[in-house]
Amino acid sequence: MHARNFRHVKNRAYTRKEYARGFPPPKIVKFTMGDTKANFDFEVQLLSTKRVQVRHSALEAARVATNRVLMDKLINEYLMVVHPYPHIILRENKMIFGAHADRLQQGMRRSFGTAVGTAAKVEVGQPIITVRVKATAAETAKVALKRGSAKLPIHCKIVVTKSPVAAGKVPSETELA
């Protein structure tokens, strides 16, 4: 199984969990890390440049890589949020190739496939990871997001803006998630 098989958004999202028996849960378990109560000056976002499906293992790898840099440099003076949730079920109809494989497989008969993972659909310009930091740590957040973007299957851009809390607008709970 290759990740490039599941990267492109082809059809509608398949989310019917009652039909797919025993699909694996998403590897990513923590979506919010850092200090959730503090006020921060800057917001650094990792934005998608293409419409793509990102596998749960790639989101977890990006989260770990970004969080590792932030923990080393800033200890706990940041807030990192991973936005997309992997709810799309990825299925694979395994085929065996080689000598005498014709006796073992059925081709397209009963080809529903087994669940091999989950993915999140990401649109153009959608934030994947958001990091909120103090004014002195904006460069560290950019470096951390650059490290995390290397784990994703697409090119991303990093945008630095003033935090909504610093500008006087208090975000709601849905904006943080």
C-alpha atoms as a PDB file:
ATOM      1  CA  MET A   1       0.000   0.000   0.000  1.00  0.00           C
ATOM      2  CA  HIS A   2       1.363   3.387  -0.972  1.00  0.00           C
ATOM      3  CA  ALA A   3       0.243   6.709   0.452  1.00  0.00           C
ATOM      4  CA  ARG A   4       0.100   8.226  -3.029  1.00  0.00           C
ATOM      5  CA  ASN A   5      -2.862   5.948  -3.790  1.00  0.00           C
ATOM      6  CA  PHE A   6      -4.967   7.792  -1.224  1.00  0.00           C
ATOM      7  CA  ARG A   7      -3.636  11.338  -1.625  1.00  0.00           C
ATOM      8  CA  HIS A   8      -5.905  12.593  -4.414  1.00  0.00           C
ATOM      9  CA  VAL A   9      -9.519  13.507  -3.708  1.00  0.00           C
ATOM     10  CA  LYS A  10     -11.459  11.473  -6.277  1.00  0.00           C
ATOM     11  CA  ASN A  11     -15.006  10.895  -5.113  1.00  0.00           C
ATOM     12  CA  ARG A  12     -17.208  11.698  -2.175  1.00  0.00           C
ATOM     13  CA  ALA A  13     -15.843  11.052   1.282  1.00  0.00           C
ATOM     14  CA  TYR A  14     -16.520   7.519   2.529  1.00  0.00           C
ATOM     15  CA  THR A  15     -17.419   7.717   6.219  1.00  0.00           C
ATOM     16  CA  ARG A  16     -19.870   4.822   6.707  1.00  0.00           C
ATOM     17  CA  LYS A  17     -18.299   3.115   9.704  1.00  0.00           C
ATOM     18  CA  GLU A  18     -21.168   0.652  10.116  1.00  0.00           C
ATOM     19  CA  TYR A  19     -20.209  -1.122   6.870  1.00  0.00           C
ATOM     20  CA  ALA A  20     -16.427  -1.194   7.320  1.00  0.00           C
ATOM     21  CA  ARG A  21     -15.663  -3.763   9.992  1.00  0.00           C
ATOM     22  CA  GLY A  22     -12.630  -3.212  12.177  1.00  0.00           C
ATOM     23  CA  PHE A  23     -11.175  -0.028  10.717  1.00  0.00           C
ATOM     24  CA  PRO A  24      -8.144   1.322  12.598  1.00  0.00           C
ATOM     25  CA  PRO A  25      -8.684   4.363  14.834  1.00  0.00           C
ATOM     26  CA  PRO A  26      -6.781   7.543  13.909  1.00  0.00           C
ATOM     27  CA  LYS A  27      -3.192   7.585  15.144  1.00  0.00           C
ATOM     28  CA  ILE A  28      -3.477  11.231  16.141  1.00  0.00           C
ATOM     29  CA  VAL A  29      -4.955  11.456  19.636  1.00  0.00           C
ATOM     30  CA  LYS A  30      -4.090  14.976  20.854  1.00  0.00           C
ATOM     31  CA  PHE A  31      -5.259  17.884  18.743  1.00  0.00           C
ATOM     32  CA  THR A  32      -4.441  20.704  21.211  1.00  0.00           C
ATOM     33  CA  MET A  33      -1.070  21.035  22.927  1.00  0.00           C
ATOM     34  CA  GLY A  34       0.579  23.690  25.064  1.00  0.00           C
ATOM     35  CA  ASP A  35      -0.882  26.381  27.304  1.00  0.00           C
ATOM     36  CA  THR A  36      -4.592  26.784  26.523  1.00  0.00           C
ATOM     37  CA  LYS A  37      -5.230  29.578  29.037  1.00  0.00           C
ATOM     38  CA  ALA A  38      -2.526  32.149  28.140  1.00  0.00           C
ATOM     39  CA  ASN A  39      -2.829  35.081  25.738  1.00  0.00           C
ATOM     40  CA  PHE A  40      -0.410  35.142  22.824  1.00  0.00           C
ATOM     41  CA  ASP A  41       0.705  37.907  20.473  1.00  0.00           C
ATOM     42  CA  PHE A  42       1.178  36.083  17.173  1.00  0.00           C
ATOM     43  CA  GLU A  43      -0.580  33.285  15.326  1.00  0.00           C
ATOM     44  CA  VAL A  44       1.461  31.206  12.864  1.00  0.00           C
ATOM     45  CA  GLN A  45      -0.523  28.954  10.519  1.00  0.00           C
ATOM     46  CA  LEU A  46       0.440  26.124   8.197  1.00  0.00           C
ATOM     47  CA  LEU A  47      -1.891  26.472   5.188  1.00  0.00           C
ATOM     48  CA  SER A  48      -2.566  23.955   2.445  1.00  0.00           C
ATOM     49  CA  THR A  49      -1.788  24.914  -1.158  1.00  0.00           C
ATOM     50  CA  LYS A  50      -3.695  21.999  -2.765  1.00  0.00           C
ATOM     51  CA  ARG A  51      -6.914  20.046  -2.281  1.00  0.00           C
ATOM     52  CA  VAL A  52      -5.768  16.689  -0.949  1.00  0.00           C
ATOM     53  CA  GLN A  53      -6.431  13.862   1.503  1.00  0.00           C
ATOM     54  CA  VAL A  54      -3.889  13.655   4.321  1.00  0.00           C
ATOM     55  CA  ARG A  55      -3.532  10.285   6.061  1.00  0.00           C
ATOM     56  CA  HIS A  56      -3.758  10.068   9.827  1.00  0.00           C
ATOM     57  CA  SER A  57      -0.153   8.872  10.090  1.00  0.00           C
ATOM     58  CA  ALA A  58       1.086  11.967   8.219  1.00  0.00           C
ATOM     59  CA  LEU A  59      -0.910  14.277  10.498  1.00  0.00           C
ATOM     60  CA  GLU A  60       0.527  12.552  13.562  1.00  0.00           C
ATOM     61  CA  ALA A  61       4.087  12.774  12.182  1.00  0.00           C
ATOM     62  CA  ALA A  62       3.629  16.503  11.472  1.00  0.00           C
ATOM     63  CA  ARG A  63       2.213  17.053  14.958  1.00  0.00           C
ATOM     64  CA  VAL A  64       5.100  15.242  16.642  1.00  0.00           C
ATOM     65  CA  ALA A  65       7.777  17.033  14.587  1.00  0.00           C
ATOM     66  CA  THR A  66       6.264  20.465  15.221  1.00  0.00           C
ATOM     67  CA  ASN A  67       5.630  19.838  18.900  1.00  0.00           C
ATOM     68  CA  ARG A  68       9.161  18.544  19.468  1.00  0.00           C
ATOM     69  CA  VAL A  69      10.729  21.800  18.231  1.00  0.00           C
ATOM     70  CA  LEU A  70       8.286  23.910  20.231  1.00  0.00           C
ATOM     71  CA  MET A  71       8.850  21.916  23.428  1.00  0.00           C
ATOM     72  CA  ASP A  72      12.642  22.153  23.104  1.00  0.00           C
ATOM     73  CA  LYS A  73      12.715  25.910  22.476  1.00  0.00           C
ATOM     74  CA  LEU A  74       9.633  27.306  24.246  1.00  0.00           C
ATOM     75  CA  ILE A  75       8.952  24.672  26.941  1.00  0.00           C
ATOM     76  CA  ASN A  76       5.227  25.417  27.477  1.00  0.00           C
ATOM     77  CA  GLU A  77       4.743  28.988  26.215  1.00  0.00           C
ATOM     78  CA  TYR A  78       2.750  28.174  23.100  1.00  0.00           C
ATOM     79  CA  LEU A  79      -0.598  26.820  21.940  1.00  0.00           C
ATOM     80  CA  MET A  80      -0.637  24.368  19.042  1.00  0.00           C
ATOM     81  CA  VAL A  81      -3.864  23.134  17.418  1.00  0.00           C
ATOM     82  CA  VAL A  82      -4.148  20.489  14.682  1.00  0.00           C
ATOM     83  CA  HIS A  83      -7.312  21.346  12.719  1.00  0.00           C
ATOM     84  CA  PRO A  84      -8.304  18.540  10.298  1.00  0.00           C
ATOM     85  CA  TYR A  85      -9.850  15.397  11.771  1.00  0.00           C
ATOM     86  CA  PRO A  86      -9.265  12.133   9.852  1.00  0.00           C
ATOM     87  CA  HIS A  87     -12.799  10.798   9.389  1.00  0.00           C
ATOM     88  CA  ILE A  88     -12.575   9.334   5.866  1.00  0.00           C
ATOM     89  CA  ILE A  89     -12.113   5.554   5.835  1.00  0.00           C
ATOM     90  CA  LEU A  90      -9.508   4.266   3.370  1.00  0.00           C
ATOM     91  CA  ARG A  91     -10.075   0.779   1.959  1.00  0.00           C
ATOM     92  CA  GLU A  92      -7.856  -1.560  -0.031  1.00  0.00           C
ATOM     93  CA  ASN A  93      -8.739  -4.651  -2.069  1.00  0.00           C
ATOM     94  CA  LYS A  94      -5.532  -6.638  -1.660  1.00  0.00           C
ATOM     95  CA  MET A  95      -4.403  -8.585  -4.682  1.00  0.00           C
ATOM     96  CA  ILE A  96      -1.684 -11.232  -4.758  1.00  0.00           C
ATOM     97  CA  PHE A  97       0.689 -11.324  -7.700  1.00  0.00           C
ATOM     98  CA  GLY A  98       3.085 -14.045  -8.682  1.00  0.00           C
ATOM     99  CA  ALA A  99       3.026 -17.754  -9.400  1.00  0.00           C
ATOM    100  CA  HIS A 100      -0.224 -19.559  -8.583  1.00  0.00           C
ATOM    101  CA  ALA A 101      -1.869 -16.352  -7.379  1.00  0.00           C
ATOM    102  CA  ASP A 102      -4.910 -17.085  -9.541  1.00  0.00           C
ATOM    103  CA  ARG A 103      -6.025 -19.772  -7.090  1.00  0.00           C
ATOM    104  CA  LEU A 104      -6.005 -17.404  -4.111  1.00  0.00           C
ATOM    105  CA  GLN A 105      -7.758 -14.280  -5.319  1.00  0.00           C
ATOM    106  CA  GLN A 106     -11.198 -13.547  -6.669  1.00  0.00           C
ATOM    107  CA  GLY A 107     -10.454 -10.391  -8.686  1.00  0.00           C
ATOM    108  CA  MET A 108     -13.311  -7.895  -8.459  1.00  0.00           C
ATOM    109  CA  ARG A 109     -15.763 -10.336  -6.905  1.00  0.00           C
ATOM    110  CA  ARG A 110     -16.629  -9.060  -3.393  1.00  0.00           C
ATOM    111  CA  SER A 111     -14.128  -6.244  -3.814  1.00  0.00           C
ATOM    112  CA  PHE A 112     -15.348  -3.960  -1.013  1.00  0.00           C
ATOM    113  CA  GLY A 113     -11.871  -4.061   0.528  1.00  0.00           C
ATOM    114  CA  THR A 114     -10.613  -3.930   4.071  1.00  0.00           C
ATOM    115  CA  ALA A 115     -10.102  -0.703   5.987  1.00  0.00           C
ATOM    116  CA  VAL A 116      -6.417   0.239   6.084  1.00  0.00           C
ATOM    117  CA  GLY A 117      -6.572   3.669   7.685  1.00  0.00           C
ATOM    118  CA  THR A 118      -8.266   7.038   7.898  1.00  0.00           C
ATOM    119  CA  ALA A 119      -7.659  10.357   6.168  1.00  0.00           C
ATOM    120  CA  ALA A 120      -8.677  13.999   6.447  1.00  0.00           C
ATOM    121  CA  LYS A 121      -9.807  16.035   3.461  1.00  0.00           C
ATOM    122  CA  VAL A 122      -7.918  19.341   3.271  1.00  0.00           C
ATOM    123  CA  GLU A 123      -9.038  22.196   1.011  1.00  0.00           C
ATOM    124  CA  VAL A 124      -6.905  24.949  -0.541  1.00  0.00           C
ATOM    125  CA  GLY A 125      -6.024  27.595   2.049  1.00  0.00           C
ATOM    126  CA  GLN A 126      -7.321  25.547   4.973  1.00  0.00           C
ATOM    127  CA  PRO A 127      -5.169  25.722   8.112  1.00  0.00           C
ATOM    128  CA  ILE A 128      -3.640  22.381   9.021  1.00  0.00           C
ATOM    129  CA  ILE A 129      -1.715  23.403  12.148  1.00  0.00           C
ATOM    130  CA  THR A 130      -1.989  26.672  14.069  1.00  0.00           C
ATOM    131  CA  VAL A 131       0.594  27.793  16.627  1.00  0.00           C
ATOM    132  CA  ARG A 132       0.062  30.782  18.924  1.00  0.00           C
ATOM    133  CA  VAL A 133       3.180  32.270  20.534  1.00  0.00           C
ATOM    134  CA  LYS A 134       4.560  35.390  22.197  1.00  0.00           C
ATOM    135  CA  ALA A 135       6.162  38.069  20.009  1.00  0.00           C
ATOM    136  CA  THR A 136       9.716  36.875  20.699  1.00  0.00           C
ATOM    137  CA  ALA A 137       9.009  33.308  19.575  1.00  0.00           C
ATOM    138  CA  ALA A 138       7.425  33.878  16.143  1.00  0.00           C
ATOM    139  CA  GLU A 139      10.565  32.719  14.292  1.00  0.00           C
ATOM    140  CA  THR A 140      10.730  29.554  16.395  1.00  0.00           C
ATOM    141  CA  ALA A 141       7.125  28.758  15.473  1.00  0.00           C
ATOM    142  CA  LYS A 142       7.920  29.244  11.771  1.00  0.00           C
ATOM    143  CA  VAL A 143      10.872  26.846  12.042  1.00  0.00           C
ATOM    144  CA  ALA A 144       8.711  24.303  13.876  1.00  0.00           C
ATOM    145  CA  LEU A 145       5.951  24.461  11.255  1.00  0.00           C
ATOM    146  CA  LYS A 146       8.515  24.130   8.455  1.00  0.00           C
ATOM    147  CA  ARG A 147       9.766  20.957  10.132  1.00  0.00           C
ATOM    148  CA  GLY A 148       6.211  19.667  10.449  1.00  0.00           C
ATOM    149  CA  SER A 149       5.294  20.502   6.842  1.00  0.00           C
ATOM    150  CA  ALA A 150       8.034  18.154   5.630  1.00  0.00           C
ATOM    151  CA  LYS A 151       5.958  15.244   6.981  1.00  0.00           C
ATOM    152  CA  LEU A 152       2.873  16.147   4.926  1.00  0.00           C
ATOM    153  CA  PRO A 153       2.274  14.992   1.327  1.00  0.00           C
ATOM    154  CA  ILE A 154       1.771  18.527  -0.043  1.00  0.00           C
ATOM    155  CA  HIS A 155       3.558  21.854  -0.218  1.00  0.00           C
ATOM    156  CA  CYS A 156       2.335  24.203   2.484  1.00  0.00           C
ATOM    157  CA  LYS A 157       2.775  27.883   3.163  1.00  0.00           C
ATOM    158  CA  ILE A 158       3.383  29.478   6.530  1.00  0.00           C
ATOM    159  CA  VAL A 159       1.491  32.670   7.417  1.00  0.00           C
ATOM    160  CA  VAL A 160       2.220  34.860  10.456  1.00  0.00           C
ATOM    161  CA  THR A 161      -0.563  37.155  11.729  1.00  0.00           C
ATOM    162  CA  LYS A 162      -1.446  39.017  14.890  1.00  0.00           C
ATOM    163  CA  SER A 163      -3.346  36.790  17.281  1.00  0.00           C
ATOM    164  CA  PRO A 164      -7.105  37.520  17.485  1.00  0.00           C
ATOM    165  CA  VAL A 165      -6.800  37.767  21.266  1.00  0.00           C
ATOM    166  CA  ALA A 166      -4.007  40.359  20.959  1.00  0.00           C
ATOM    167  CA  ALA A 167      -6.115  42.334  18.461  1.00  0.00           C
ATOM    168  CA  GLY A 168      -9.021  42.471  20.931  1.00  0.00           C
ATOM    169  CA  LYS A 169     -11.260  39.767  19.399  1.00  0.00           C
ATOM    170  CA  VAL A 170     -11.791  36.802  21.699  1.00  0.00           C
ATOM    171  CA  PRO A 171     -12.153  33.523  19.731  1.00  0.00           C
ATOM    172  CA  SER A 172     -14.978  31.125  20.432  1.00  0.00           C
ATOM    173  CA  GLU A 173     -14.430  27.446  21.234  1.00  0.00           C
ATOM    174  CA  THR A 174     -15.226  26.424  17.657  1.00  0.00           C
ATOM    175  CA  GLU A 175     -12.483  28.684  16.264  1.00  0.00           C
ATOM    176  CA  LEU A 176      -9.895  27.074  18.525  1.00  0.00           C
ATOM    177  CA  ALA A 177     -10.832  23.530  17.458  1.00  0.00           C
END
